[in-house]
């Protein structure tokens, strides 16, 4: 890989990694950057994100896809359900731990591909899956801190939703930008309904966040979604997935470092050991390119 392209990939991973901290502040008010701001309710924040994404990419909805069912499945799995759980997890758990746990989407995708797409997995990828689950379990298992554990379990649920959505991507005949437009369209209505039912004080929280909250929303839409995913797929068309996949793990590593440095996330032996084991396992699974799935369904990005 050329130094210029590696710098682009590093910039993408940097944006994805820092976004864990940005999203943490947006849904919890941590760190205390704006007095009186305790975070936007997670479901409402997810609604705002996808409504803005849809508004910006609406022109790419045409022409209509030939098969709408898989697009709906991909949209709900990789959009509404994943981010409802992800932002709920970030509300309770540290971004460094969430950054590790959501990497389970890679082995989850492999498991679902075995069940529904008849994917064959050798012993190397099976061992990598076992390492990923063992490492993530070590990070999640904190019996003395139930709320922290509950937040990480929501992160596991987000990884499962992303994996389910990625299986539908196999049947979607759309490029990156149109797919994101459809994900935005199918995500914001259920998220808005869920927020109106389960959450309160959404508008007050938005106003309390001020311009910094507005900046965080545009960060997650413009840089994470449009720039990050667009540049990632541009690179994926030029390099083999077995080269790109291990490098994308810079994203969760930057997420962990950002959480520790910027938010003072506690560094325990469980986080270090579990994180190293999980990321090593994910690297093995991702680098062993699938013969059934396209690269974009094997490699899951932090968002």
Protein backbone atom coordinates (compact mmCIF):
# COMPACT_ATOMS: atom_id res chain seq x y z
CA UNK A 1 0.00 0.00 0.00
CA UNK A 2 1.30 3.44 -0.91
CA UNK A 3 2.05 5.90 1.93
CA UNK A 4 -0.70 8.20 0.61
CA UNK A 5 -3.33 5.48 0.71
CA UNK A 6 -2.17 4.29 4.11
CA UNK A 7 -2.53 7.86 5.40
CA UNK A 8 -6.09 7.91 4.04
CA UNK A 9 -6.92 4.62 5.76
CA UNK A 10 -5.39 5.88 9.01
CA UNK A 11 -7.51 9.05 8.75
CA UNK A 12 -10.61 6.89 8.34
CA UNK A 13 -9.70 4.74 11.36
CA UNK A 14 -8.91 7.89 13.37
CA UNK A 15 -12.37 9.29 12.66
CA UNK A 16 -14.04 5.97 13.48
CA UNK A 17 -12.06 5.58 16.71
CA UNK A 18 -12.59 9.12 18.00
CA UNK A 19 -16.30 8.79 17.20
CA UNK A 20 -16.72 6.45 20.18
CA UNK A 21 -15.77 9.37 22.45
CA UNK A 22 -17.86 11.87 20.48
CA UNK A 23 -20.92 9.63 20.67
CA UNK A 24 -20.30 8.97 24.38
CA UNK A 25 -20.40 12.70 25.11
CA UNK A 26 -23.47 13.17 22.92
CA UNK A 27 -25.60 10.60 24.74
CA UNK A 28 -24.28 11.01 28.30
CA UNK A 29 -22.76 14.48 28.65
CA UNK A 30 -19.42 12.92 29.66
CA UNK A 31 -17.01 14.67 29.88
CA UNK A 32 -18.65 17.77 31.33
CA UNK A 33 -17.92 20.16 28.47
CA UNK A 34 -21.27 22.00 28.53
CA UNK A 35 -22.74 22.91 31.95
CA UNK A 36 -26.21 21.47 32.41
CA UNK A 37 -25.93 19.05 29.47
CA UNK A 38 -26.51 15.43 30.48
CA UNK A 39 -26.67 13.98 27.00
CA UNK A 40 -29.35 13.46 24.39
CA UNK A 41 -31.52 10.36 24.91
CA UNK A 42 -29.82 7.58 22.89
CA UNK A 43 -32.78 6.68 20.66
CA UNK A 44 -33.40 10.32 19.80
CA UNK A 45 -29.72 10.90 19.03
CA UNK A 46 -29.81 7.92 16.66
CA UNK A 47 -32.95 9.35 15.05
CA UNK A 48 -31.27 12.73 14.50
CA UNK A 49 -28.23 11.05 12.98
CA UNK A 50 -30.19 9.01 10.45
CA UNK A 51 -32.69 11.74 9.64
CA UNK A 52 -29.80 14.03 8.74
CA UNK A 53 -28.06 11.25 6.81
CA UNK A 54 -31.25 10.63 4.83
CA UNK A 55 -31.79 14.34 4.17
CA UNK A 56 -28.26 14.71 2.80
CA UNK A 57 -28.30 11.59 0.64
CA UNK A 58 -31.96 11.54 -0.49
CA UNK A 59 -31.08 12.25 -4.16
CA UNK A 60 -29.24 8.89 -4.26
CA UNK A 61 -32.44 6.93 -3.49
CA UNK A 62 -33.15 6.74 -7.22
CA UNK A 63 -33.33 4.55 -9.15
CA UNK A 64 -35.34 2.26 -6.88
CA UNK A 65 -33.65 -1.04 -6.03
CA UNK A 66 -35.06 -4.11 -7.75
CA UNK A 67 -35.38 -6.04 -4.47
CA UNK A 68 -36.62 -3.86 -1.60
CA UNK A 69 -36.81 -6.62 1.06
CA UNK A 70 -33.05 -7.08 1.50
CA UNK A 71 -32.61 -3.29 1.56
CA UNK A 72 -35.09 -3.03 4.43
CA UNK A 73 -33.31 -5.83 6.31
CA UNK A 74 -29.92 -4.24 5.77
CA UNK A 75 -31.27 -0.82 6.75
CA UNK A 76 -32.85 -1.96 10.01
CA UNK A 77 -29.98 -4.23 11.03
CA UNK A 78 -27.09 -1.94 10.17
CA UNK A 79 -29.06 1.20 10.95
CA UNK A 80 -31.93 1.54 13.43
CA UNK A 81 -31.42 -1.56 15.58
CA UNK A 82 -27.62 -1.44 15.65
CA UNK A 83 -27.40 2.21 16.63
CA UNK A 84 -30.27 2.12 19.10
CA UNK A 85 -28.31 -0.54 20.99
CA UNK A 86 -24.90 1.05 20.37
CA UNK A 87 -25.86 4.48 21.72
CA UNK A 88 -27.70 2.89 24.65
CA UNK A 89 -24.53 0.95 25.41
CA UNK A 90 -22.41 4.10 25.20
CA UNK A 91 -24.79 5.85 27.59
CA UNK A 92 -23.84 3.35 30.32
CA UNK A 93 -20.45 1.90 29.37
CA UNK A 94 -17.06 3.40 28.59
CA UNK A 95 -16.20 4.00 24.92
CA UNK A 96 -12.97 2.02 25.25
CA UNK A 97 -14.85 -1.13 26.29
CA UNK A 98 -17.60 -0.60 23.70
CA UNK A 99 -14.95 -0.18 20.99
CA UNK A 100 -13.75 -3.70 21.76
CA UNK A 101 -17.12 -5.38 22.21
CA UNK A 102 -18.65 -4.18 18.93
CA UNK A 103 -15.86 -5.95 17.03
CA UNK A 104 -17.84 -9.14 17.67
CA UNK A 105 -19.81 -8.20 14.56
CA UNK A 106 -17.04 -9.89 12.53
CA UNK A 107 -17.35 -13.40 14.07
CA UNK A 108 -21.15 -12.94 14.32
CA UNK A 109 -21.22 -12.30 10.57
CA UNK A 110 -19.23 -15.47 9.98
CA UNK A 111 -21.60 -17.52 12.15
CA UNK A 112 -24.66 -16.18 10.32
CA UNK A 113 -22.99 -16.84 6.96
CA UNK A 114 -22.52 -20.45 8.02
CA UNK A 115 -26.19 -20.74 8.98
CA UNK A 116 -27.81 -18.92 6.06
CA UNK A 117 -25.25 -18.70 3.24
CA UNK A 118 -23.60 -22.12 3.64
CA UNK A 119 -20.22 -20.55 4.32
CA UNK A 120 -17.46 -23.05 5.13
CA UNK A 121 -15.07 -22.14 7.93
CA UNK A 122 -11.70 -23.74 8.47
CA UNK A 123 -10.01 -24.33 11.79
CA UNK A 124 -8.01 -21.09 11.60
CA UNK A 125 -11.09 -18.85 11.36
CA UNK A 126 -12.89 -21.00 13.93
CA UNK A 127 -10.00 -20.47 16.34
CA UNK A 128 -10.10 -16.73 15.64
CA UNK A 129 -13.83 -16.67 16.42
CA UNK A 130 -13.19 -18.47 19.68
CA UNK A 131 -10.51 -15.95 20.62
CA UNK A 132 -12.79 -13.01 19.79
CA UNK A 133 -15.62 -14.32 21.94
CA UNK A 134 -13.30 -15.25 24.80
CA UNK A 135 -11.68 -11.81 24.82
CA UNK A 136 -14.99 -9.96 24.62
CA UNK A 137 -16.43 -12.11 27.42
CA UNK A 138 -13.50 -11.14 29.61
CA UNK A 139 -14.24 -7.45 28.97
CA UNK A 140 -18.01 -7.81 29.57
CA UNK A 141 -17.87 -9.97 32.70
CA UNK A 142 -18.05 -7.49 35.59
CA UNK A 143 -20.55 -8.88 38.10
CA UNK A 144 -19.97 -6.08 40.63
CA UNK A 145 -20.98 -3.34 38.15
CA UNK A 146 -24.35 -4.33 36.70
CA UNK A 147 -25.08 -1.10 34.81
CA UNK A 148 -21.64 -1.19 33.21
CA UNK A 149 -22.22 -4.80 32.21
CA UNK A 150 -25.70 -3.96 30.89
CA UNK A 151 -24.21 -1.28 28.67
CA UNK A 152 -21.68 -3.72 27.24
CA UNK A 153 -24.40 -6.29 26.63
CA UNK A 154 -26.19 -3.64 24.58
CA UNK A 155 -22.92 -3.30 22.64
CA UNK A 156 -22.95 -7.05 22.00
CA UNK A 157 -26.53 -6.70 20.75
CA UNK A 158 -25.39 -3.92 18.41
CA UNK A 159 -22.71 -6.22 17.01
CA UNK A 160 -25.32 -8.93 16.41
CA UNK A 161 -27.63 -6.47 14.65
CA UNK A 162 -24.79 -5.27 12.41
CA UNK A 163 -23.94 -8.86 11.54
CA UNK A 164 -27.57 -9.65 10.66
CA UNK A 165 -27.77 -6.54 8.52
CA UNK A 166 -24.56 -7.44 6.71
CA UNK A 167 -26.07 -10.76 5.62
CA UNK A 168 -28.83 -8.84 3.85
CA UNK A 169 -26.17 -6.72 2.14
CA UNK A 170 -25.21 -9.86 0.21
CA UNK A 171 -28.52 -9.56 -1.66
CA UNK A 172 -28.49 -5.77 -2.08
CA UNK A 173 -27.52 -4.41 -5.50
CA UNK A 174 -26.51 -0.93 -4.36
CA UNK A 175 -23.25 0.95 -4.06
CA UNK A 176 -22.12 2.60 -0.83
CA UNK A 177 -23.80 6.02 -1.00
CA UNK A 178 -27.24 4.81 -2.23
CA UNK A 179 -27.19 2.06 0.41
CA UNK A 180 -26.50 4.62 3.15
CA UNK A 181 -29.37 6.76 1.81
CA UNK A 182 -31.76 3.82 2.10
CA UNK A 183 -30.42 2.94 5.56
CA UNK A 184 -31.19 6.50 6.61
CA UNK A 185 -34.70 6.30 5.17
CA UNK A 186 -35.59 3.03 6.90
CA UNK A 187 -33.93 3.96 10.20
CA UNK A 188 -35.26 7.35 11.25
CA UNK A 189 -39.03 6.53 11.42
CA UNK A 190 -38.75 3.55 13.85
CA UNK A 191 -36.15 5.40 15.93
CA UNK A 192 -38.42 8.45 16.20
CA UNK A 193 -41.39 6.31 17.24
CA UNK A 194 -39.30 4.41 19.80
CA UNK A 195 -37.92 7.65 21.23
CA UNK A 196 -41.38 9.19 21.57
CA UNK A 197 -42.57 6.09 23.43
CA UNK A 198 -39.62 5.40 25.73
CA UNK A 199 -37.80 8.73 26.17
CA UNK A 200 -38.56 12.20 27.50
CA UNK A 201 -36.94 15.63 27.33
CA UNK A 202 -35.46 15.22 23.87
CA UNK A 203 -35.84 18.84 22.71
CA UNK A 204 -34.59 20.25 26.01
CA UNK A 205 -31.51 18.04 25.79
CA UNK A 206 -30.83 19.16 22.21
CA UNK A 207 -31.03 22.81 23.20
CA UNK A 208 -28.82 22.26 26.24
CA UNK A 209 -26.11 20.72 24.06
CA UNK A 210 -25.79 23.89 21.99
CA UNK A 211 -23.38 24.27 19.10
CA UNK A 212 -21.05 21.55 20.39
CA UNK A 213 -23.82 18.96 20.09
CA UNK A 214 -24.59 20.20 16.59
CA UNK A 215 -20.91 19.81 15.72
CA UNK A 216 -20.89 16.25 17.07
CA UNK A 217 -23.92 15.34 14.94
CA UNK A 218 -22.29 16.66 11.78
CA UNK A 219 -19.05 14.88 12.76
CA UNK A 220 -20.79 11.53 12.92
CA UNK A 221 -22.70 12.04 9.66
CA UNK A 222 -20.19 13.86 7.45
CA UNK A 223 -16.91 12.35 8.65
CA UNK A 224 -17.90 8.94 10.00
CA UNK A 225 -20.53 7.95 7.44
CA UNK A 226 -19.91 9.86 4.24
CA UNK A 227 -16.11 10.36 4.35
CA UNK A 228 -15.26 7.23 6.35
CA UNK A 229 -17.34 4.72 4.44
CA UNK A 230 -16.73 6.36 1.08
CA UNK A 231 -12.93 6.34 1.50
CA UNK A 232 -13.00 2.82 2.93
CA UNK A 233 -14.82 1.35 -0.07
CA UNK A 234 -12.61 3.36 -2.44
CA UNK A 235 -9.57 1.68 -0.87
CA UNK A 236 -11.27 -1.72 -0.82
CA UNK A 237 -11.68 -1.55 -4.60
CA UNK A 238 -7.92 -1.04 -4.95
CA UNK A 239 -6.51 -3.46 -2.38
CA UNK A 240 -7.30 -7.00 -1.31
CA UNK A 241 -9.53 -7.39 1.72
CA UNK A 242 -6.93 -9.55 3.44
CA UNK A 243 -4.66 -6.47 3.51
CA UNK A 244 -7.31 -3.91 4.46
CA UNK A 245 -9.06 -5.97 7.15
CA UNK A 246 -6.28 -6.15 9.76
CA UNK A 247 -5.48 -2.46 9.22
CA UNK A 248 -9.04 -1.40 10.05
CA UNK A 249 -8.44 -2.68 13.58
CA UNK A 250 -6.60 0.61 14.11
CA UNK A 251 -10.13 1.99 14.60
CA UNK A 252 -11.02 0.16 17.84
CA UNK A 253 -7.47 0.63 19.12
CA UNK A 254 -7.80 4.38 18.60
CA UNK A 255 -11.20 4.16 20.29
CA UNK A 256 -9.65 2.55 23.35
CA UNK A 257 -6.80 5.06 23.46
CA UNK A 258 -9.22 7.98 23.01
CA UNK A 259 -11.42 6.75 25.83
CA UNK A 260 -8.47 6.39 28.20
CA UNK A 261 -6.74 9.67 27.26
CA UNK A 262 -9.74 11.95 26.73
CA UNK A 263 -12.24 10.53 29.23
CA UNK A 264 -10.00 8.82 31.76
CA UNK A 265 -11.55 5.40 31.16
CA UNK A 266 -10.28 2.93 33.76
CA UNK A 267 -7.58 0.60 32.47
CA UNK A 268 -8.06 -2.79 34.10
CA UNK A 269 -6.31 -6.06 33.41
CA UNK A 270 -9.60 -7.36 32.02
CA UNK A 271 -9.81 -4.55 29.47
CA UNK A 272 -6.20 -4.98 28.37
CA UNK A 273 -6.13 -8.78 28.25
CA UNK A 274 -9.65 -9.16 26.88
CA UNK A 275 -9.12 -6.42 24.32
CA UNK A 276 -5.88 -7.91 23.00
CA UNK A 277 -7.39 -11.39 22.75
CA UNK A 278 -10.58 -10.14 21.08
CA UNK A 279 -8.84 -7.92 18.55
CA UNK A 280 -6.34 -10.66 17.70
CA UNK A 281 -9.23 -13.07 17.11
CA UNK A 282 -11.09 -10.55 14.95
CA UNK A 283 -7.91 -9.96 12.91
CA UNK A 284 -7.66 -13.69 12.19
CA UNK A 285 -11.32 -13.94 11.13
CA UNK A 286 -11.25 -10.79 9.01
CA UNK A 287 -7.94 -11.54 7.31
CA UNK A 288 -9.10 -15.00 6.22
CA UNK A 289 -11.16 -13.72 3.32
CA UNK A 290 -14.52 -15.40 2.82
CA UNK A 291 -15.16 -17.37 -0.36
CA UNK A 292 -18.93 -16.80 -0.15
CA UNK A 293 -19.32 -13.28 1.19
CA UNK A 294 -18.08 -10.13 -0.48
CA UNK A 295 -15.37 -8.24 1.47
CA UNK A 296 -17.74 -5.51 2.68
CA UNK A 297 -19.82 -8.06 4.62
CA UNK A 298 -16.79 -9.70 6.20
CA UNK A 299 -15.13 -6.49 7.36
CA UNK A 300 -17.26 -4.57 9.85
CA UNK A 301 -16.42 -0.94 10.57
CA UNK A 302 -16.65 0.89 13.83
CA UNK A 303 -19.01 3.81 13.48
